[in-house]
Amino acid sequence: MPLPTLFGQLPLPVVSYEAILSVLSISLTAYFWMVKARRERPSLEFFQMRSFRANLRRGEEGSNTKRLGLTQIEQCGILIANNSTRQNSIVRFNCSFKYQGASIKGYWGYMEDEKFPWNIAPESAIDVRLACFFDVPEDFEIPDDMDFRVEFLTVGGRQFGHTFSLRVPEE
């Protein structure tokens, strides 16, 4: 005795062309809105274009520290690219580096007229020169190359971090 087929007993609905086009239109609209929303999210990229100059100075009297300064003298030290379709603004940054397993927090600075905020137009880039200062132990010596981390804070509260080195990375 043959078994009845499950779908053979169900009536097939008639689908109109309008319904197919409507579903296709809704799908395409939803896809493009998701792509647009993704491109509107803040998205910053950082590129080191110039080397940093490192110098050590005597710390405050009575403190057993030195002041390490990492500055960029040449123009276009760091290139900041805004990959979003919306403007973004960096309002400050924090810097730190690792020394003998401990993290040393630094102080930020700027060169000449490059004061905050740094406004970056949609889908464009700006160049800035960073300056970071650290209180380091008295026995600290400047290595040939060292890495340090910079966390950039935007006006919306989002942070973007990047690790820089004294020398321009070779790519």
Protein backbone atom coordinates (compact mmCIF):
# COMPACT_ATOMS: atom_id res chain seq x y z
CA MET A 1 0.00 0.00 0.00
CA PRO A 2 1.58 3.31 -1.07
CA LEU A 3 1.99 6.04 1.53
CA PRO A 4 0.28 9.36 0.79
CA THR A 5 2.63 12.26 0.15
CA LEU A 6 2.49 15.09 2.61
CA PHE A 7 2.62 17.91 0.11
CA GLY A 8 0.33 16.22 -2.35
CA GLN A 9 -2.63 16.85 -0.05
CA LEU A 10 -1.91 20.56 0.52
CA PRO A 11 -3.14 23.12 -1.96
CA LEU A 12 -0.35 25.31 -3.35
CA PRO A 13 -0.97 29.03 -2.92
CA VAL A 14 -0.92 31.16 -6.01
CA VAL A 15 1.85 33.76 -5.70
CA SER A 16 1.44 36.94 -7.65
CA TYR A 17 4.23 38.85 -9.30
CA GLU A 18 3.41 41.85 -7.13
CA ALA A 19 4.08 39.86 -3.95
CA ILE A 20 7.44 38.63 -5.28
CA LEU A 21 8.45 42.17 -6.27
CA SER A 22 7.32 43.50 -2.90
CA VAL A 23 9.44 40.96 -0.96
CA LEU A 24 12.43 41.69 -3.23
CA SER A 25 12.02 45.45 -2.72
CA ILE A 26 11.83 45.10 1.07
CA SER A 27 14.92 42.87 1.08
CA LEU A 28 16.99 45.29 -1.01
CA THR A 29 15.89 48.29 1.07
CA ALA A 30 16.81 46.53 4.32
CA TYR A 31 20.20 45.52 2.90
CA PHE A 32 21.08 49.07 1.79
CA TRP A 33 19.98 50.55 5.13
CA MET A 34 22.24 48.08 6.97
CA VAL A 35 25.17 49.01 4.71
CA LYS A 36 24.48 52.73 5.25
CA ALA A 37 24.24 52.29 9.03
CA ARG A 38 27.56 50.45 9.03
CA ARG A 39 29.28 53.25 7.08
CA GLU A 40 27.86 55.87 9.47
CA ARG A 41 29.53 54.25 12.49
CA PRO A 42 32.67 56.03 13.71
CA SER A 43 35.70 54.43 12.10
CA LEU A 44 39.15 55.99 12.46
CA GLU A 45 42.46 54.59 11.21
CA PHE A 46 45.93 55.82 12.19
CA PHE A 47 49.10 55.78 10.09
CA GLN A 48 52.53 56.79 11.37
CA MET A 49 54.26 58.81 8.65
CA ARG A 50 57.25 60.25 10.57
CA SER A 51 59.54 59.11 13.38
CA PHE A 52 59.32 60.40 16.92
CA ARG A 53 62.20 62.22 18.57
CA ALA A 54 62.89 60.96 22.08
CA ASN A 55 64.65 62.99 24.76
CA LEU A 56 65.25 62.61 28.47
CA ARG A 57 65.32 65.51 30.89
CA ARG A 58 65.81 65.69 34.59
CA GLY A 59 62.61 65.22 36.57
CA GLU A 60 61.35 67.44 39.36
CA GLU A 61 63.73 68.05 42.24
CA GLY A 62 63.49 65.42 44.93
CA SER A 63 61.82 62.89 42.67
CA ASN A 64 63.92 60.01 41.46
CA THR A 65 62.53 60.31 37.94
CA LYS A 66 63.34 61.66 34.53
CA ARG A 67 60.94 63.15 32.00
CA LEU A 68 60.80 61.25 28.69
CA GLY A 69 59.48 63.29 25.79
CA LEU A 70 58.31 61.72 22.52
CA THR A 71 57.59 64.39 19.92
CA GLN A 72 57.26 64.68 16.17
CA ILE A 73 59.05 67.64 14.67
CA GLU A 74 58.28 67.12 10.99
CA GLN A 75 54.91 67.92 9.43
CA CYS A 76 52.45 65.08 8.75
CA GLY A 77 53.60 62.92 11.65
CA ILE A 78 50.39 60.93 12.07
CA LEU A 79 47.70 60.59 9.43
CA ILE A 80 44.20 60.06 10.85
CA ALA A 81 41.68 58.73 8.32
CA ASN A 82 37.93 58.94 8.93
CA ASN A 83 36.28 56.07 7.05
CA SER A 84 32.79 57.05 8.18
CA THR A 85 30.22 59.07 6.24
CA ARG A 86 29.86 61.30 9.33
CA GLN A 87 32.24 63.88 10.75
CA ASN A 88 34.30 62.88 13.79
CA SER A 89 36.23 64.92 16.33
CA ILE A 90 39.07 63.86 18.60
CA VAL A 91 38.94 65.80 21.86
CA ARG A 92 41.99 64.33 23.62
CA PHE A 93 44.31 61.35 23.81
CA ASN A 94 46.06 59.32 26.49
CA CYS A 95 49.43 57.62 26.09
CA SER A 96 51.22 54.81 27.88
CA PHE A 97 54.03 52.31 27.43
CA LYS A 98 55.33 49.19 29.13
CA TYR A 99 58.59 49.27 31.08
CA GLN A 100 59.83 46.26 33.02
CA GLY A 101 56.35 44.73 33.01
CA ALA A 102 54.60 47.84 34.36
CA SER A 103 52.48 50.28 32.41
CA ILE A 104 53.62 53.91 32.64
CA LYS A 105 50.89 56.44 31.91
CA GLY A 106 51.90 59.62 30.12
CA TYR A 107 50.76 63.16 29.53
CA TRP A 108 49.68 64.42 26.14
CA GLY A 109 50.79 67.52 24.35
CA TYR A 110 50.56 69.10 20.93
CA MET A 111 52.85 70.90 18.55
CA GLU A 112 52.34 74.56 17.63
CA ASP A 113 48.72 75.30 16.66
CA GLU A 114 47.46 71.71 16.68
CA LYS A 115 45.18 72.18 19.68
CA PHE A 116 42.05 70.12 20.28
CA PRO A 117 39.52 69.36 18.94
CA TRP A 118 40.83 67.72 15.79
CA ASN A 119 37.85 67.73 13.41
CA ILE A 120 37.90 65.14 10.63
CA ALA A 121 35.45 65.55 7.77
CA PRO A 122 33.57 62.50 6.43
CA GLU A 123 35.66 60.09 4.35
CA SER A 124 38.79 62.25 4.59
CA ALA A 125 42.03 62.48 6.57
CA ILE A 126 44.03 64.99 8.60
CA ASP A 127 47.63 65.06 9.71
CA VAL A 128 48.74 65.84 13.25
CA ARG A 129 51.95 65.75 15.26
CA LEU A 130 51.74 64.04 18.63
CA ALA A 131 53.69 64.79 21.76
CA CYS A 132 53.72 62.40 24.74
CA PHE A 133 55.56 62.91 28.03
CA PHE A 134 56.30 60.27 30.66
CA ASP A 135 57.79 60.30 34.15
CA VAL A 136 60.24 57.37 34.03
CA PRO A 137 62.64 55.89 36.62
CA GLU A 138 66.08 57.47 36.93
CA ASP A 139 67.80 54.40 35.46
CA PHE A 140 65.69 54.52 32.25
CA GLU A 141 67.64 54.71 28.99
CA ILE A 142 66.06 55.41 25.61
CA PRO A 143 66.09 52.21 23.51
CA ASP A 144 66.80 52.20 19.77
CA ASP A 145 63.11 51.66 19.16
CA MET A 146 60.19 51.39 21.54
CA ASP A 147 56.46 50.98 21.25
CA PHE A 148 53.89 53.11 23.04
CA ARG A 149 50.11 53.10 22.96
CA VAL A 150 47.88 56.09 22.30
CA GLU A 151 44.13 56.03 23.02
CA PHE A 152 42.22 58.73 21.13
CA LEU A 153 38.90 59.88 22.63
CA THR A 154 36.20 61.23 20.32
CA VAL A 155 33.47 63.73 21.13
CA GLY A 156 30.96 60.85 21.18
CA GLY A 157 32.94 59.09 23.91
CA ARG A 158 34.30 56.32 21.70
CA GLN A 159 37.98 55.39 22.04
CA PHE A 160 40.30 54.37 19.24
CA GLY A 161 43.69 52.96 20.18
CA HIS A 162 46.86 52.54 18.18
CA THR A 163 50.40 51.41 18.98
CA PHE A 164 53.15 53.66 17.61
CA SER A 165 56.93 53.23 17.63
CA LEU A 166 59.84 55.65 17.70
CA ARG A 167 60.78 54.81 14.12
CA VAL A 168 58.45 54.82 11.14
CA PRO A 169 57.33 51.22 10.53
CA GLU A 170 58.62 49.73 7.30
CA GLU A 171 55.83 48.28 5.19
